[in-house]
N, C-alpha and C. Protein backbone atom coordinates (compact mmCIF):
# COMPACT_ATOMS: atom_id res chain seq x y z
N ALA A 1 0.82 -1.20 0.00
CA ALA A 1 0.00 0.00 0.00
C ALA A 1 0.86 1.25 0.00
N LEU A 2 1.90 1.27 0.85
CA LEU A 2 2.71 2.47 1.05
C LEU A 2 4.18 2.17 0.83
N ALA A 3 4.95 3.23 0.63
CA ALA A 3 6.40 3.06 0.48
C ALA A 3 7.02 2.61 1.80
N GLY A 4 8.10 1.85 1.71
CA GLY A 4 8.84 1.44 2.89
C GLY A 4 8.36 0.18 3.57
N GLU A 5 7.38 -0.50 2.98
CA GLU A 5 6.84 -1.70 3.62
C GLU A 5 7.65 -2.97 3.31
N GLY A 6 8.59 -2.87 2.38
CA GLY A 6 9.46 -4.01 2.08
C GLY A 6 9.14 -4.72 0.79
N LYS A 7 8.45 -4.08 -0.13
CA LYS A 7 8.04 -4.74 -1.36
C LYS A 7 9.23 -5.13 -2.24
N THR A 8 10.24 -4.28 -2.33
CA THR A 8 11.41 -4.60 -3.16
C THR A 8 12.18 -5.77 -2.57
N PHE A 9 12.41 -5.73 -1.28
CA PHE A 9 13.09 -6.85 -0.59
C PHE A 9 12.31 -8.14 -0.81
N PHE A 10 10.99 -8.07 -0.68
CA PHE A 10 10.13 -9.23 -0.86
C PHE A 10 10.22 -9.75 -2.30
N ALA A 11 10.10 -8.86 -3.27
CA ALA A 11 10.15 -9.27 -4.69
C ALA A 11 11.50 -9.90 -5.03
N MET A 12 12.58 -9.31 -4.54
CA MET A 12 13.91 -9.86 -4.80
C MET A 12 14.04 -11.26 -4.22
N ASN A 13 13.53 -11.44 -3.01
CA ASN A 13 13.64 -12.75 -2.37
C ASN A 13 12.72 -13.79 -3.00
N VAL A 14 11.54 -13.39 -3.45
CA VAL A 14 10.65 -14.33 -4.15
C VAL A 14 11.32 -14.79 -5.44
N ALA A 15 11.87 -13.85 -6.22
CA ALA A 15 12.53 -14.21 -7.48
C ALA A 15 13.72 -15.12 -7.22
N LEU A 16 14.51 -14.82 -6.22
CA LEU A 16 15.66 -15.65 -5.89
C LEU A 16 15.22 -17.04 -5.44
N SER A 17 14.18 -17.11 -4.64
CA SER A 17 13.67 -18.41 -4.18
C SER A 17 13.18 -19.25 -5.35
N ILE A 18 12.48 -18.63 -6.29
CA ILE A 18 12.01 -19.34 -7.47
C ILE A 18 13.19 -19.88 -8.27
N ALA A 19 14.21 -19.04 -8.45
CA ALA A 19 15.38 -19.43 -9.23
C ALA A 19 16.14 -20.58 -8.59
N MET A 20 16.03 -20.73 -7.29
CA MET A 20 16.74 -21.81 -6.58
C MET A 20 16.00 -23.14 -6.66
N GLU A 21 14.74 -23.12 -7.10
CA GLU A 21 13.96 -24.35 -7.21
C GLU A 21 14.39 -25.16 -8.43
N LEU A 22 14.25 -26.46 -8.36
CA LEU A 22 14.51 -27.31 -9.51
C LEU A 22 13.46 -27.05 -10.57
N GLY A 23 13.88 -26.90 -11.79
CA GLY A 23 12.95 -26.76 -12.90
C GLY A 23 12.27 -25.40 -12.99
N ALA A 24 12.73 -24.41 -12.26
CA ALA A 24 12.11 -23.09 -12.32
C ALA A 24 13.18 -22.02 -12.55
N SER A 25 12.81 -21.02 -13.32
CA SER A 25 13.65 -19.85 -13.55
C SER A 25 12.83 -18.62 -13.24
N ALA A 26 13.51 -17.51 -12.96
CA ALA A 26 12.79 -16.29 -12.62
C ALA A 26 13.38 -15.10 -13.37
N LEU A 27 12.49 -14.18 -13.70
CA LEU A 27 12.87 -12.89 -14.24
C LEU A 27 12.31 -11.85 -13.30
N LEU A 28 13.20 -11.07 -12.70
CA LEU A 28 12.79 -9.99 -11.80
C LEU A 28 12.77 -8.70 -12.59
N VAL A 29 11.59 -8.11 -12.72
CA VAL A 29 11.42 -6.88 -13.48
C VAL A 29 11.31 -5.71 -12.49
N GLU A 30 12.15 -4.72 -12.70
CA GLU A 30 12.13 -3.53 -11.87
C GLU A 30 10.99 -2.65 -12.36
N GLY A 31 9.78 -2.95 -11.87
CA GLY A 31 8.59 -2.26 -12.32
C GLY A 31 8.26 -1.00 -11.54
N ASP A 32 9.00 -0.72 -10.48
CA ASP A 32 8.82 0.54 -9.76
C ASP A 32 9.64 1.57 -10.52
N ILE A 33 9.07 2.03 -11.62
CA ILE A 33 9.83 2.86 -12.55
C ILE A 33 10.04 4.29 -12.06
N LEU A 34 9.26 4.72 -11.09
CA LEU A 34 9.45 6.06 -10.54
C LEU A 34 10.57 6.11 -9.51
N LYS A 35 10.72 5.06 -8.73
CA LYS A 35 11.79 4.96 -7.74
C LYS A 35 12.39 3.57 -7.79
N PRO A 36 13.09 3.25 -8.88
CA PRO A 36 13.67 1.90 -8.99
C PRO A 36 14.72 1.67 -7.90
N ALA A 37 14.70 0.49 -7.31
CA ALA A 37 15.64 0.20 -6.22
C ALA A 37 16.37 -1.13 -6.38
N VAL A 38 15.89 -2.01 -7.24
CA VAL A 38 16.50 -3.34 -7.36
C VAL A 38 17.96 -3.23 -7.76
N MET A 39 18.24 -2.50 -8.82
CA MET A 39 19.62 -2.42 -9.32
C MET A 39 20.55 -1.82 -8.26
N SER A 40 20.13 -0.75 -7.63
CA SER A 40 21.00 -0.12 -6.62
C SER A 40 21.22 -1.04 -5.43
N ARG A 41 20.20 -1.79 -5.05
CA ARG A 41 20.38 -2.72 -3.92
C ARG A 41 21.34 -3.84 -4.25
N LEU A 42 21.46 -4.12 -5.53
CA LEU A 42 22.41 -5.15 -5.97
C LEU A 42 23.76 -4.55 -6.32
N GLY A 43 23.91 -3.24 -6.11
CA GLY A 43 25.18 -2.57 -6.38
C GLY A 43 25.44 -2.35 -7.85
N LEU A 44 24.38 -2.29 -8.64
CA LEU A 44 24.52 -2.11 -10.08
C LEU A 44 23.99 -0.75 -10.51
N PRO A 45 24.58 -0.17 -11.54
CA PRO A 45 24.07 1.12 -12.03
C PRO A 45 22.79 0.91 -12.84
N GLN A 46 21.95 1.94 -12.88
CA GLN A 46 20.77 1.88 -13.73
C GLN A 46 21.22 1.83 -15.19
N ARG A 47 20.42 1.18 -16.01
CA ARG A 47 20.73 1.08 -17.43
C ARG A 47 19.45 0.88 -18.20
N ARG A 48 19.55 0.72 -19.50
CA ARG A 48 18.35 0.53 -20.32
C ARG A 48 17.55 -0.66 -19.80
N GLY A 49 16.21 -0.55 -19.98
CA GLY A 49 15.37 -1.62 -19.47
C GLY A 49 13.95 -1.52 -19.99
N LEU A 50 13.00 -1.76 -19.11
CA LEU A 50 11.58 -1.88 -19.45
C LEU A 50 11.06 -0.67 -20.22
N LEU A 51 11.25 0.52 -19.71
CA LEU A 51 10.71 1.70 -20.39
C LEU A 51 11.35 1.91 -21.75
N ASP A 52 12.62 1.56 -21.88
CA ASP A 52 13.29 1.67 -23.18
C ASP A 52 12.69 0.69 -24.19
N LEU A 53 12.37 -0.51 -23.72
CA LEU A 53 11.71 -1.50 -24.59
C LEU A 53 10.36 -0.99 -25.09
N LEU A 54 9.66 -0.29 -24.21
CA LEU A 54 8.33 0.19 -24.57
C LEU A 54 8.36 1.40 -25.50
N THR A 55 9.47 2.14 -25.50
CA THR A 55 9.56 3.32 -26.35
C THR A 55 10.35 3.09 -27.64
N ASP A 56 11.20 2.07 -27.66
CA ASP A 56 12.04 1.81 -28.84
C ASP A 56 11.71 0.42 -29.40
N PRO A 57 10.93 0.37 -30.48
CA PRO A 57 10.54 -0.93 -31.04
C PRO A 57 11.71 -1.74 -31.60
N LYS A 58 12.86 -1.10 -31.79
CA LYS A 58 14.03 -1.82 -32.31
C LYS A 58 14.72 -2.64 -31.22
N LEU A 59 14.47 -2.29 -29.96
CA LEU A 59 15.09 -3.02 -28.85
C LEU A 59 14.41 -4.37 -28.66
N ASP A 60 15.21 -5.35 -28.33
CA ASP A 60 14.70 -6.68 -28.00
C ASP A 60 14.89 -6.91 -26.51
N ALA A 61 14.04 -7.72 -25.91
CA ALA A 61 14.14 -8.01 -24.48
C ALA A 61 15.54 -8.51 -24.11
N SER A 62 16.12 -9.34 -24.98
CA SER A 62 17.45 -9.87 -24.68
C SER A 62 18.53 -8.78 -24.68
N ASP A 63 18.25 -7.64 -25.31
CA ASP A 63 19.21 -6.52 -25.31
C ASP A 63 19.33 -5.86 -23.95
N VAL A 64 18.30 -5.96 -23.13
CA VAL A 64 18.31 -5.23 -21.86
C VAL A 64 18.22 -6.14 -20.63
N MET A 65 17.96 -7.42 -20.82
CA MET A 65 17.94 -8.35 -19.67
C MET A 65 19.36 -8.61 -19.20
N LEU A 66 19.50 -8.76 -17.91
CA LEU A 66 20.80 -9.03 -17.32
C LEU A 66 20.84 -10.42 -16.72
N ARG A 67 21.93 -11.10 -16.94
CA ARG A 67 22.15 -12.37 -16.25
C ARG A 67 22.74 -12.06 -14.88
N THR A 68 22.51 -12.96 -13.95
CA THR A 68 23.08 -12.79 -12.62
C THR A 68 24.00 -13.96 -12.33
N ASN A 69 24.64 -13.94 -11.17
CA ASN A 69 25.48 -15.07 -10.79
C ASN A 69 24.63 -16.23 -10.26
N VAL A 70 23.33 -16.06 -10.21
CA VAL A 70 22.42 -17.15 -9.91
C VAL A 70 21.95 -17.66 -11.26
N PRO A 71 22.29 -18.89 -11.63
CA PRO A 71 22.07 -19.36 -13.00
C PRO A 71 20.65 -19.19 -13.56
N LYS A 72 19.64 -19.28 -12.77
CA LYS A 72 18.27 -19.22 -13.30
C LYS A 72 17.54 -17.95 -12.89
N LEU A 73 18.31 -16.88 -12.65
CA LEU A 73 17.72 -15.59 -12.29
C LEU A 73 18.22 -14.52 -13.24
N SER A 74 17.28 -13.84 -13.89
CA SER A 74 17.59 -12.71 -14.78
C SER A 74 16.94 -11.46 -14.22
N LEU A 75 17.47 -10.31 -14.62
CA LEU A 75 16.93 -9.02 -14.20
C LEU A 75 16.55 -8.20 -15.42
N LEU A 76 15.51 -7.42 -15.28
CA LEU A 76 15.15 -6.43 -16.29
C LEU A 76 15.03 -5.09 -15.56
N PRO A 77 16.02 -4.20 -15.77
CA PRO A 77 15.98 -2.90 -15.10
C PRO A 77 14.78 -2.06 -15.53
N ALA A 78 14.51 -1.01 -14.77
CA ALA A 78 13.40 -0.11 -15.09
C ALA A 78 13.66 0.64 -16.38
N GLY A 79 14.89 1.02 -16.62
CA GLY A 79 15.22 1.75 -17.83
C GLY A 79 15.16 3.25 -17.65
N SER A 80 15.17 3.96 -18.77
CA SER A 80 15.20 5.42 -18.77
C SER A 80 13.87 5.99 -18.34
N ARG A 81 13.92 7.00 -17.48
CA ARG A 81 12.70 7.63 -16.98
C ARG A 81 11.90 8.25 -18.12
N SER A 82 10.58 8.27 -17.91
CA SER A 82 9.69 8.84 -18.92
C SER A 82 8.54 9.55 -18.22
N MET A 83 8.14 10.68 -18.78
CA MET A 83 6.99 11.40 -18.24
C MET A 83 5.68 10.66 -18.54
N GLN A 84 5.70 9.74 -19.48
CA GLN A 84 4.51 8.98 -19.86
C GLN A 84 4.57 7.54 -19.31
N SER A 85 5.14 7.34 -18.14
CA SER A 85 5.33 5.98 -17.63
C SER A 85 4.02 5.22 -17.46
N THR A 86 2.99 5.86 -16.93
CA THR A 86 1.71 5.16 -16.77
C THR A 86 1.15 4.77 -18.12
N GLU A 87 1.19 5.68 -19.07
CA GLU A 87 0.68 5.39 -20.41
C GLU A 87 1.46 4.26 -21.07
N LEU A 88 2.78 4.26 -20.87
CA LEU A 88 3.60 3.19 -21.46
C LEU A 88 3.25 1.83 -20.86
N LEU A 89 3.06 1.79 -19.55
CA LEU A 89 2.71 0.51 -18.90
C LEU A 89 1.32 0.03 -19.30
N ALA A 90 0.44 0.96 -19.64
CA ALA A 90 -0.93 0.61 -20.05
C ALA A 90 -1.05 0.42 -21.55
N SER A 91 0.03 0.61 -22.28
CA SER A 91 -0.01 0.61 -23.74
C SER A 91 -0.16 -0.78 -24.34
N ALA A 92 -0.55 -0.80 -25.60
CA ALA A 92 -0.61 -2.05 -26.36
C ALA A 92 0.78 -2.67 -26.44
N ARG A 93 1.81 -1.83 -26.55
CA ARG A 93 3.19 -2.34 -26.62
C ARG A 93 3.53 -3.13 -25.36
N MET A 94 3.07 -2.68 -24.19
CA MET A 94 3.32 -3.41 -22.95
C MET A 94 2.62 -4.77 -23.01
N GLY A 95 1.39 -4.80 -23.49
CA GLY A 95 0.68 -6.07 -23.64
C GLY A 95 1.42 -7.02 -24.57
N GLU A 96 1.92 -6.49 -25.68
CA GLU A 96 2.70 -7.30 -26.63
C GLU A 96 3.97 -7.81 -25.99
N PHE A 97 4.63 -6.95 -25.22
CA PHE A 97 5.86 -7.34 -24.55
C PHE A 97 5.60 -8.46 -23.54
N LEU A 98 4.54 -8.34 -22.76
CA LEU A 98 4.21 -9.39 -21.79
C LEU A 98 3.85 -10.70 -22.50
N ASP A 99 3.14 -10.61 -23.61
CA ASP A 99 2.83 -11.81 -24.39
C ASP A 99 4.12 -12.44 -24.92
N GLU A 100 5.04 -11.60 -25.37
CA GLU A 100 6.33 -12.10 -25.86
C GLU A 100 7.09 -12.81 -24.75
N LEU A 101 7.12 -12.21 -23.57
CA LEU A 101 7.79 -12.86 -22.43
C LEU A 101 7.17 -14.21 -22.13
N ALA A 102 5.84 -14.26 -22.15
CA ALA A 102 5.14 -15.50 -21.80
C ALA A 102 5.41 -16.60 -22.82
N THR A 103 5.58 -16.25 -24.09
CA THR A 103 5.81 -17.29 -25.10
C THR A 103 7.30 -17.58 -25.30
N ARG A 104 8.11 -16.55 -25.31
CA ARG A 104 9.54 -16.72 -25.57
C ARG A 104 10.29 -17.28 -24.37
N TYR A 105 9.87 -16.92 -23.18
CA TYR A 105 10.54 -17.37 -21.96
C TYR A 105 9.56 -18.17 -21.10
N ARG A 106 9.03 -19.22 -21.67
CA ARG A 106 8.02 -20.04 -20.98
C ARG A 106 8.53 -20.62 -19.67
N ASP A 107 9.83 -20.82 -19.57
CA ASP A 107 10.41 -21.45 -18.39
C ASP A 107 10.54 -20.49 -17.21
N ARG A 108 10.25 -19.21 -17.41
CA ARG A 108 10.48 -18.22 -16.36
C ARG A 108 9.20 -17.75 -15.72
N ILE A 109 9.28 -17.62 -14.42
CA ILE A 109 8.21 -16.96 -13.67
C ILE A 109 8.64 -15.50 -13.56
N ILE A 110 7.76 -14.61 -13.94
CA ILE A 110 8.09 -13.19 -13.97
C ILE A 110 7.58 -12.53 -12.70
N VAL A 111 8.49 -11.88 -12.00
CA VAL A 111 8.18 -11.18 -10.75
C VAL A 111 8.42 -9.70 -10.98
N PHE A 112 7.39 -8.89 -10.77
CA PHE A 112 7.51 -7.44 -10.89
C PHE A 112 7.64 -6.84 -9.50
N ASP A 113 8.63 -5.97 -9.33
CA ASP A 113 8.68 -5.12 -8.15
C ASP A 113 7.93 -3.86 -8.56
N ALA A 114 6.70 -3.74 -8.11
CA ALA A 114 5.83 -2.63 -8.50
C ALA A 114 5.88 -1.51 -7.48
N PRO A 115 5.44 -0.32 -7.87
CA PRO A 115 5.39 0.79 -6.91
C PRO A 115 4.28 0.58 -5.88
N PRO A 116 4.27 1.38 -4.81
CA PRO A 116 3.21 1.27 -3.81
C PRO A 116 1.83 1.56 -4.43
N LEU A 117 0.86 0.76 -4.09
CA LEU A 117 -0.49 0.87 -4.67
C LEU A 117 -1.16 2.20 -4.44
N LEU A 118 -1.02 2.76 -3.26
CA LEU A 118 -1.75 3.97 -2.94
C LEU A 118 -1.01 5.26 -3.30
N GLN A 119 0.18 5.13 -3.86
CA GLN A 119 0.97 6.33 -4.12
C GLN A 119 1.22 6.59 -5.60
N THR A 120 0.90 5.63 -6.46
CA THR A 120 1.11 5.82 -7.90
C THR A 120 0.01 5.12 -8.68
N SER A 121 -0.22 5.57 -9.86
CA SER A 121 -1.17 4.88 -10.75
C SER A 121 -0.49 3.72 -11.47
N GLU A 122 0.83 3.74 -11.57
CA GLU A 122 1.56 2.67 -12.26
C GLU A 122 1.32 1.31 -11.61
N ALA A 123 1.22 1.28 -10.29
CA ALA A 123 1.02 0.01 -9.59
C ALA A 123 -0.30 -0.64 -10.00
N GLN A 124 -1.35 0.13 -10.11
CA GLN A 124 -2.65 -0.41 -10.50
C GLN A 124 -2.64 -0.90 -11.94
N VAL A 125 -1.91 -0.20 -12.81
CA VAL A 125 -1.81 -0.61 -14.21
C VAL A 125 -1.08 -1.95 -14.29
N LEU A 126 0.02 -2.09 -13.56
CA LEU A 126 0.75 -3.36 -13.56
C LEU A 126 -0.09 -4.48 -12.95
N ALA A 127 -0.77 -4.20 -11.86
CA ALA A 127 -1.59 -5.23 -11.20
C ALA A 127 -2.67 -5.75 -12.13
N ALA A 128 -3.24 -4.88 -12.95
CA ALA A 128 -4.30 -5.29 -13.87
C ALA A 128 -3.79 -6.26 -14.92
N ARG A 129 -2.49 -6.26 -15.17
CA ARG A 129 -1.89 -7.14 -16.18
C ARG A 129 -1.30 -8.41 -15.58
N ALA A 130 -1.27 -8.51 -14.25
CA ALA A 130 -0.62 -9.63 -13.57
C ALA A 130 -1.56 -10.81 -13.38
N GLY A 131 -1.00 -11.98 -13.36
CA GLY A 131 -1.78 -13.18 -13.06
C GLY A 131 -2.04 -13.32 -11.57
N GLN A 132 -1.09 -12.87 -10.77
CA GLN A 132 -1.21 -12.92 -9.32
C GLN A 132 -0.59 -11.65 -8.75
N VAL A 133 -1.15 -11.18 -7.65
CA VAL A 133 -0.64 -9.98 -6.99
C VAL A 133 -0.41 -10.34 -5.52
N VAL A 134 0.74 -9.91 -5.00
CA VAL A 134 1.02 -10.06 -3.58
C VAL A 134 1.15 -8.65 -3.00
N VAL A 135 0.33 -8.35 -2.02
CA VAL A 135 0.40 -7.06 -1.34
C VAL A 135 1.24 -7.26 -0.08
N VAL A 136 2.36 -6.55 -0.01
CA VAL A 136 3.24 -6.63 1.15
C VAL A 136 2.76 -5.59 2.17
N VAL A 137 2.52 -6.06 3.39
CA VAL A 137 1.98 -5.21 4.45
C VAL A 137 2.97 -5.21 5.61
N GLU A 138 3.35 -4.03 6.05
CA GLU A 138 4.28 -3.94 7.16
C GLU A 138 3.54 -4.06 8.48
N ALA A 139 3.96 -5.03 9.29
CA ALA A 139 3.34 -5.26 10.59
C ALA A 139 3.52 -4.04 11.48
N GLY A 140 2.45 -3.64 12.14
CA GLY A 140 2.51 -2.55 13.10
C GLY A 140 2.61 -1.16 12.50
N ARG A 141 2.62 -1.05 11.19
CA ARG A 141 2.74 0.26 10.56
C ARG A 141 1.59 0.58 9.62
N THR A 142 1.22 -0.37 8.77
CA THR A 142 0.18 -0.13 7.78
C THR A 142 -1.17 -0.12 8.48
N SER A 143 -1.89 0.96 8.33
CA SER A 143 -3.19 1.05 8.98
C SER A 143 -4.20 0.15 8.29
N ALA A 144 -5.21 -0.22 9.02
CA ALA A 144 -6.28 -1.04 8.44
C ALA A 144 -6.96 -0.31 7.29
N ALA A 145 -7.09 1.00 7.41
CA ALA A 145 -7.72 1.80 6.35
C ALA A 145 -6.87 1.77 5.08
N ALA A 146 -5.55 1.92 5.22
CA ALA A 146 -4.67 1.88 4.05
C ALA A 146 -4.69 0.50 3.41
N PHE A 147 -4.66 -0.54 4.24
CA PHE A 147 -4.71 -1.91 3.71
C PHE A 147 -6.02 -2.14 2.97
N SER A 148 -7.12 -1.72 3.55
CA SER A 148 -8.43 -1.89 2.93
C SER A 148 -8.51 -1.13 1.61
N GLN A 149 -8.02 0.08 1.61
CA GLN A 149 -8.03 0.89 0.39
C GLN A 149 -7.16 0.24 -0.70
N ALA A 150 -6.00 -0.28 -0.33
CA ALA A 150 -5.13 -0.96 -1.29
C ALA A 150 -5.82 -2.19 -1.87
N MET A 151 -6.47 -2.96 -1.02
CA MET A 151 -7.16 -4.16 -1.50
C MET A 151 -8.32 -3.79 -2.41
N ASP A 152 -8.99 -2.69 -2.13
CA ASP A 152 -10.09 -2.23 -2.99
C ASP A 152 -9.60 -1.91 -4.40
N THR A 153 -8.38 -1.41 -4.52
CA THR A 153 -7.85 -1.08 -5.85
C THR A 153 -7.58 -2.34 -6.67
N LEU A 154 -7.54 -3.50 -6.01
CA LEU A 154 -7.21 -4.75 -6.68
C LEU A 154 -8.41 -5.67 -6.87
N GLU A 155 -9.61 -5.17 -6.63
CA GLU A 155 -10.78 -6.05 -6.66
C GLU A 155 -11.00 -6.73 -8.00
N SER A 156 -10.47 -6.18 -9.09
CA SER A 156 -10.65 -6.82 -10.39
C SER A 156 -9.54 -7.83 -10.71
N CYS A 157 -8.53 -7.92 -9.87
CA CYS A 157 -7.44 -8.86 -10.09
C CYS A 157 -7.87 -10.27 -9.70
N PRO A 158 -7.50 -11.27 -10.52
CA PRO A 158 -7.99 -12.63 -10.27
C PRO A 158 -7.47 -13.28 -8.99
N VAL A 159 -6.18 -13.09 -8.68
CA VAL A 159 -5.59 -13.70 -7.49
C VAL A 159 -4.82 -12.63 -6.73
N VAL A 160 -5.24 -12.35 -5.50
CA VAL A 160 -4.57 -11.37 -4.66
C VAL A 160 -4.23 -12.04 -3.34
N MET A 161 -2.95 -11.98 -2.98
CA MET A 161 -2.48 -12.55 -1.72
C MET A 161 -1.82 -11.44 -0.91
N THR A 162 -1.59 -11.71 0.35
CA THR A 162 -0.91 -10.74 1.19
C THR A 162 0.27 -11.41 1.87
N ALA A 163 1.26 -10.60 2.20
CA ALA A 163 2.42 -11.06 2.95
C ALA A 163 2.66 -10.07 4.07
N LEU A 164 2.68 -10.55 5.31
CA LEU A 164 2.98 -9.71 6.46
C LEU A 164 4.49 -9.63 6.59
N ASN A 165 5.01 -8.42 6.57
CA ASN A 165 6.44 -8.21 6.58
C ASN A 165 6.87 -7.45 7.83
N LYS A 166 8.09 -7.68 8.25
CA LYS A 166 8.72 -6.97 9.37
C LYS A 166 8.03 -7.22 10.70
N SER A 167 7.45 -8.37 10.88
CA SER A 167 6.79 -8.68 12.14
C SER A 167 7.84 -9.01 13.20
N LYS A 168 7.69 -8.43 14.34
CA LYS A 168 8.61 -8.69 15.47
C LYS A 168 8.04 -9.75 16.40
N GLU A 169 6.79 -10.10 16.19
CA GLU A 169 6.11 -11.08 17.06
C GLU A 169 6.64 -12.48 16.78
N SER A 170 6.73 -13.27 17.81
CA SER A 170 7.04 -14.68 17.64
C SER A 170 6.30 -15.45 18.74
N ASN A 171 5.90 -16.62 18.40
CA ASN A 171 5.21 -17.46 19.36
C ASN A 171 6.08 -18.68 19.58
N THR A 172 6.83 -18.70 20.65
CA THR A 172 7.76 -19.80 20.90
C THR A 172 7.04 -21.07 21.32
N ASN A 173 5.73 -20.99 21.57
CA ASN A 173 4.99 -22.19 21.91
C ASN A 173 4.55 -22.98 20.68
N MET A 174 4.77 -22.40 19.50
CA MET A 174 4.35 -23.08 18.28
C MET A 174 5.35 -24.17 17.93
N VAL A 175 4.85 -25.32 17.54
CA VAL A 175 5.69 -26.45 17.14
C VAL A 175 5.18 -26.92 15.80
N TYR A 176 6.11 -27.19 14.87
CA TYR A 176 5.72 -27.69 13.57
C TYR A 176 6.69 -28.78 13.17
N GLY A 177 6.20 -29.88 12.67
CA GLY A 177 7.07 -30.95 12.24
C GLY A 177 6.29 -32.18 11.86
N TYR A 178 7.04 -33.22 11.52
CA TYR A 178 6.41 -34.46 11.07
C TYR A 178 6.88 -35.65 11.89
N ASN A 179 7.05 -35.47 13.17
CA ASN A 179 7.46 -36.61 13.98
C ASN A 179 6.45 -36.82 15.10
N ALA A 180 6.67 -37.84 15.88
CA ALA A 180 5.71 -38.19 16.92
C ALA A 180 5.58 -37.08 17.97
N ASP A 181 6.69 -36.41 18.28
CA ASP A 181 6.63 -35.34 19.28
C ASP A 181 5.72 -34.21 18.83
N SER A 182 5.77 -33.84 17.54
CA SER A 182 4.94 -32.72 17.09
C SER A 182 3.46 -33.15 17.04
N MET A 183 3.21 -34.41 16.74
CA MET A 183 1.81 -34.87 16.74
C MET A 183 1.28 -34.81 18.16
N TYR A 184 2.11 -35.13 19.16
CA TYR A 184 1.69 -35.06 20.54
C TYR A 184 1.43 -33.59 20.91
N ALA A 185 2.32 -32.68 20.45
CA ALA A 185 2.15 -31.27 20.77
C ALA A 185 0.86 -30.74 20.16
N GLU A 186 0.54 -31.16 18.93
CA GLU A 186 -0.71 -30.72 18.30
C GLU A 186 -1.90 -31.22 19.10
N ALA A 187 -1.82 -32.45 19.58
CA ALA A 187 -2.93 -33.01 20.34
C ALA A 187 -3.11 -32.27 21.66
N GLN A 188 -2.02 -31.72 22.19
CA GLN A 188 -2.08 -30.98 23.45
C GLN A 188 -2.48 -29.52 23.24
N GLY A 189 -2.70 -29.13 21.99
CA GLY A 189 -3.14 -27.76 21.71
C GLY A 189 -2.03 -26.76 21.62
N VAL A 190 -0.78 -27.22 21.50
CA VAL A 190 0.35 -26.30 21.41
C VAL A 190 0.53 -25.81 19.99
N ALA A 191 0.36 -26.67 19.01
CA ALA A 191 0.63 -26.29 17.61
C ALA A 191 -0.64 -25.94 16.89
């Protein structure tokens, strides 16, 4: 919903986790085009990327995708800033590009680091094109009203999930496992 809730950290870790799975590859797209953070967090300079692909029909996705030292993880930077970023993300060219990614890179799960839902229109445009949306919510900070408003903006999206981030709470009485001791704990109401 808001900036600072951990969406970039979450997106980076989801993409990395997918890339570490057998038989799965990931493409992390720096979709927060107003305040891109993925490249800088990885210690890399900004370079051509998504917005450049949308404005220059001569560019190919492979021209701007970056390989990483994780064999099945690729990056697509945000690219050059544009005053028409919302229009570009909502354009027919963006739809064509997403279709191209889906057919050309069938082996990859595409993860977008999108801007905060309540602070930009770009986030809603990207969410409308996504198969699944994860709303990252910061524990103890995001108000119920902000969370509700963010979820309302996604009511037309087919699959919306949430992730609670930065929680300091822990329940040391919780037990999880697949052995006899954990079955006993569950029966005692601990787990």
